[in-house]
Protein backbone atom coordinates (compact mmCIF):
# COMPACT_ATOMS: atom_id res chain seq x y z
CA MET A 1 84.91 126.54 104.84
CA ARG A 2 82.67 127.45 107.91
CA TRP A 3 84.66 130.82 108.48
CA PHE A 4 84.05 131.86 104.76
CA TRP A 5 80.29 131.04 104.76
CA LYS A 6 79.86 132.84 108.14
CA TRP A 7 81.61 135.77 106.56
CA TYR A 8 79.32 135.53 103.63
CA LEU A 9 76.20 135.64 105.51
CA TRP A 10 77.45 138.40 107.89
CA SER A 11 78.44 140.56 104.67
CA GLU A 12 75.31 139.96 102.94
CA GLY A 13 73.18 140.84 106.07
CA TRP A 14 71.58 137.42 106.59
CA LYS A 15 70.34 136.06 110.07
CA ILE A 16 69.21 132.55 110.91
CA GLU A 17 66.00 132.04 112.88
CA GLY A 18 65.35 128.66 114.55
CA ALA A 19 67.20 125.65 113.99
CA LEU A 20 67.22 122.00 112.93
CA PRO A 21 66.98 120.09 116.24
CA PRO A 22 70.35 118.41 116.55
CA GLU A 23 68.76 115.34 117.84
CA LEU A 24 66.69 114.88 114.72
CA LYS A 25 68.32 111.93 112.66
CA LYS A 26 65.80 111.59 109.98
CA ALA A 27 63.63 114.52 108.18
CA VAL A 28 62.54 116.17 105.15
CA ILE A 29 63.55 119.74 104.99
CA VAL A 30 61.44 121.86 102.65
CA VAL A 31 63.17 124.83 101.57
CA ALA A 32 61.08 127.65 99.76
CA PRO A 33 60.43 129.68 97.97
CA HIS A 34 62.81 128.59 95.47
CA THR A 35 63.12 131.33 93.00
CA HIS A 36 66.91 132.02 92.20
CA TRP A 37 70.19 130.21 91.97
CA LEU A 38 71.31 132.14 94.82
CA ASP A 39 68.94 130.08 97.10
CA PHE A 40 71.50 127.31 96.73
CA VAL A 41 74.42 129.44 97.91
CA VAL A 42 72.51 130.60 100.74
CA GLY A 43 71.37 127.17 101.66
CA LEU A 44 75.10 125.87 101.43
CA ALA A 45 76.14 128.76 103.81
CA VAL A 46 73.46 128.08 106.38
CA ARG A 47 74.21 124.29 106.06
CA SER A 48 78.05 124.92 106.97
CA VAL A 49 77.36 127.51 109.71
CA MET A 50 74.92 125.42 111.39
CA ARG A 51 76.94 122.27 111.08
CA MET A 52 74.36 120.50 109.14
CA THR A 53 76.87 118.71 106.72
CA HIS A 54 74.90 115.54 106.99
CA VAL A 55 71.83 117.16 105.06
CA LYS A 56 71.64 115.84 101.60
CA PHE A 57 69.57 117.38 98.82
CA LEU A 58 67.95 116.38 95.55
CA GLY A 59 68.76 118.37 92.27
CA LYS A 60 67.69 118.22 88.62
CA ALA A 61 70.02 115.61 86.75
CA GLU A 62 71.32 118.34 84.46
CA LEU A 63 73.51 119.83 87.36
CA PHE A 64 75.33 116.55 87.79
CA LYS A 65 76.83 116.50 84.28
CA PRO A 66 80.28 117.67 83.53
CA PRO A 67 82.07 119.72 84.10
CA PHE A 68 80.64 120.52 87.59
CA GLY A 69 78.86 117.64 88.36
CA PHE A 70 81.35 116.19 90.70
CA LEU A 71 80.96 119.22 92.78
CA PHE A 72 77.12 118.82 93.35
CA LYS A 73 77.59 114.99 94.25
CA TRP A 74 80.59 116.04 96.61
CA LEU A 75 78.18 118.67 98.35
CA GLY A 76 75.77 115.67 99.07
CA GLY A 77 73.49 116.05 95.90
CA THR A 78 71.40 113.23 94.26
CA PRO A 79 70.37 113.62 90.82
CA VAL A 80 66.76 113.52 89.89
CA ASP A 81 65.30 112.84 86.42
CA ARG A 82 62.32 115.00 86.09
CA SER A 83 61.51 113.87 82.71
CA GLY A 84 58.57 111.52 83.76
CA SER A 85 57.49 109.27 86.41
CA HIS A 86 60.39 107.32 87.82
CA GLN A 87 58.90 106.31 91.23
CA LEU A 88 61.12 108.72 92.96
CA VAL A 89 59.07 108.69 96.06
CA ASP A 90 59.29 104.94 96.30
CA ALA A 91 63.17 105.30 95.75
CA VAL A 92 63.75 107.95 98.57
CA VAL A 93 61.40 106.11 101.08
CA ALA A 94 63.50 103.16 100.45
CA LYS A 95 66.63 105.07 101.24
CA PHE A 96 65.08 106.33 104.43
CA ASP A 97 64.05 102.65 105.42
CA ALA A 98 67.63 101.53 104.59
CA THR A 99 69.46 104.00 107.00
CA ASP A 100 69.40 105.18 110.61
CA GLU A 101 70.23 108.77 109.60
CA LEU A 102 69.04 110.74 106.69
CA VAL A 103 68.10 114.36 106.56
CA LEU A 104 66.82 115.48 103.02
CA ALA A 105 66.56 118.99 101.89
CA LEU A 106 64.35 119.80 98.77
CA SER A 107 62.32 122.49 97.18
CA PRO A 108 58.58 121.88 97.19
CA GLU A 109 57.91 123.76 94.02
CA GLY A 110 60.69 121.50 92.18
CA THR A 111 61.75 124.59 90.07
CA ARG A 112 62.57 128.07 90.28
CA LYS A 113 59.72 129.20 88.12
CA ARG A 114 56.12 130.12 89.38
CA VAL A 115 54.14 127.42 90.16
CA ASP A 116 50.17 126.96 90.47
CA ARG A 117 50.79 124.11 93.19
CA LEU A 118 53.33 122.40 95.15
CA ARG A 119 54.79 119.17 94.09
CA THR A 120 53.78 116.67 96.71
CA GLY A 121 56.42 114.10 96.52
CA PHE A 122 58.33 115.70 99.43
CA TYR A 123 55.17 115.29 101.53
CA TYR A 124 54.62 111.62 100.58
CA ILE A 125 58.26 110.82 101.12
CA ALA A 126 57.91 112.23 104.73
CA ARG A 127 54.70 110.49 105.47
CA ARG A 128 55.46 107.00 104.10
CA SER A 129 58.80 107.15 105.87
CA ALA A 130 57.27 108.27 109.16
CA VAL A 131 59.73 111.23 109.32
CA PRO A 132 59.10 114.80 110.33
CA ILE A 133 58.92 117.80 107.73
CA VAL A 134 60.91 121.07 108.63
CA MET A 135 60.15 124.16 106.68
CA ALA A 136 62.97 126.54 105.98
CA ALA A 137 62.11 129.89 104.63
CA LEU A 138 64.66 131.83 102.35
CA ASP A 139 63.20 135.42 103.18
CA PHE A 140 65.22 137.62 100.91
CA GLU A 141 63.34 140.74 101.69
CA ASN A 142 64.28 140.73 105.18
CA LYS A 143 67.52 138.56 104.78
CA ARG A 144 66.43 135.91 107.08
CA VAL A 145 66.40 131.99 107.01
CA ILE A 146 63.66 130.85 109.21
CA PHE A 147 63.27 127.39 110.42
CA ALA A 148 60.01 126.09 111.55
CA PRO A 149 59.65 123.33 114.40
CA PRO A 150 59.35 119.80 112.99
CA PHE A 151 56.07 118.34 112.37
CA MET A 152 54.73 114.87 111.47
CA PRO A 153 52.61 114.89 108.43
CA THR A 154 49.16 113.43 109.15
CA GLU A 155 46.45 111.52 107.27
CA ASN A 156 44.74 114.97 106.31
CA ASP A 157 46.80 115.89 103.20
CA ALA A 158 44.91 119.02 102.55
CA ALA A 159 45.57 120.42 106.04
CA ASP A 160 49.06 119.70 106.04
CA ILE A 161 49.68 121.26 102.77
CA GLU A 162 47.82 124.17 103.86
CA ARG A 163 49.91 124.44 106.97
CA ILE A 164 52.98 124.27 104.80
CA LEU A 165 51.74 127.16 102.26
CA ALA A 166 50.51 129.27 105.32
CA PHE A 167 54.21 129.31 106.54
CA PHE A 168 55.54 130.08 103.14
CA ARG A 169 53.00 132.51 101.77
CA PRO A 170 54.09 135.69 103.39
CA VAL A 171 57.96 134.91 102.52
CA LYS A 172 59.52 136.87 99.71
CA GLY A 173 62.17 135.02 97.56
CA LYS A 174 64.89 136.68 95.67
CA LEU A 175 62.24 137.13 92.85
CA PRO A 176 59.11 137.65 94.75
CA GLN A 177 56.73 137.24 91.78
CA GLN A 178 57.74 133.57 91.51
CA GLY A 179 57.20 132.84 95.15
CA LEU A 180 54.27 131.12 96.86
CA GLY A 181 52.18 134.25 98.04
CA HIS A 182 49.58 133.60 95.22
CA LEU A 183 48.69 129.89 96.24
């Protein structure tokens, strides 16, 4: 499928800047802004073209129901029940602890809608698992997927979250009004 995804990105005018370091065996990739279903398609294309098929993702549980649920699981997805507190951070930290290789991509907004703050589960997963965070921006305005260098979360939550927001604020998603520029 790599040839198809290469063609897709080329035909749509997308460029990839930066990369996920190949030696990185464990990480949390935060992909934002998440404003449209096309984010997932672009993400699949980039994952294939960059040979990052080992990257897994979290998705809302509704996506994993029939008739297409098998497809999301086959693509490396894990369903997440967003209806309440289900110790998701603890469960994902346990997965990181139990394996030598796990790269997990997720949206720091937790939804495609406009948010007033980031959900911080991704941050605490990375911090408690002692794995780096890699930021990946979906810049629909300039048709770029931008990878930032990995960074280790510190004990200063506010400074780390500000660092993440500073990276994503100027990026325009497919629906810019639902992006992170206001945070």
